[in-house]
């Protein structure tokens, strides 16, 4: 998952049995991926079929450059490889999460570019990615500055006419996830946040049931970079 810019180091308070303490977002996500199996995590799905269908529906070449931001230990990278895509990058702040994905893929992990770190701090290549995928990262950015920084990085890194496929919590979803507050979006709100440089092509909702039985309504959107 994503963290705040290191230059303005971001911390939040976490409640534990002995009281309150400060924890960096990186520490938080490392702890999450260490304390639970992937199949027990709230956002886990055996296959991210909605995301995969949206990406495949773009009709891109198999060598199109795809980045999965906040991919963690998700199986989307497995399915993209199985579908024949050959230029895949997975970025996550949790080293533990990516190590789990690599172990699962075995020798196929060598076909993927893996980046550990804060997406806002990593120097992504300009105009490089044909597809930027994000499921359940953007909605953790609850501050306007964080959202604008993300948008600027997205705009800079996408190729002309590139695609942004994003899944966020819809208005009906809970106000928190993994103990953190989230920003919930309607299509109109997400469109306004991204600004005029992105055209909303398609949107749909999909209900996700967590392994613990919590109902989470997701909003999935496909945007195209226009400028």
Foldseek 3Di string as FASTA:
>chain_A
DAFDDPVVFDWDWDQDPVGIDIDGPLRLVQCVPVVDPQQQFFPDDLEPVVLVVVVVVVVDDLAAAEEEEQCFLHCHVVVNVVVRRQHYEYEHQHPSRVVNNCVVCDPCSVSYHYYHRHLLPDDADFQRHQEYEYEADLFLPPDLVSLVSVLVSVLGRHHAFHKYKYKDFAPVFDQDGSRGGTHHDDPVRVDVSNDDQKDWDDKDWDWDQTPVGGITIMIITMITGHD
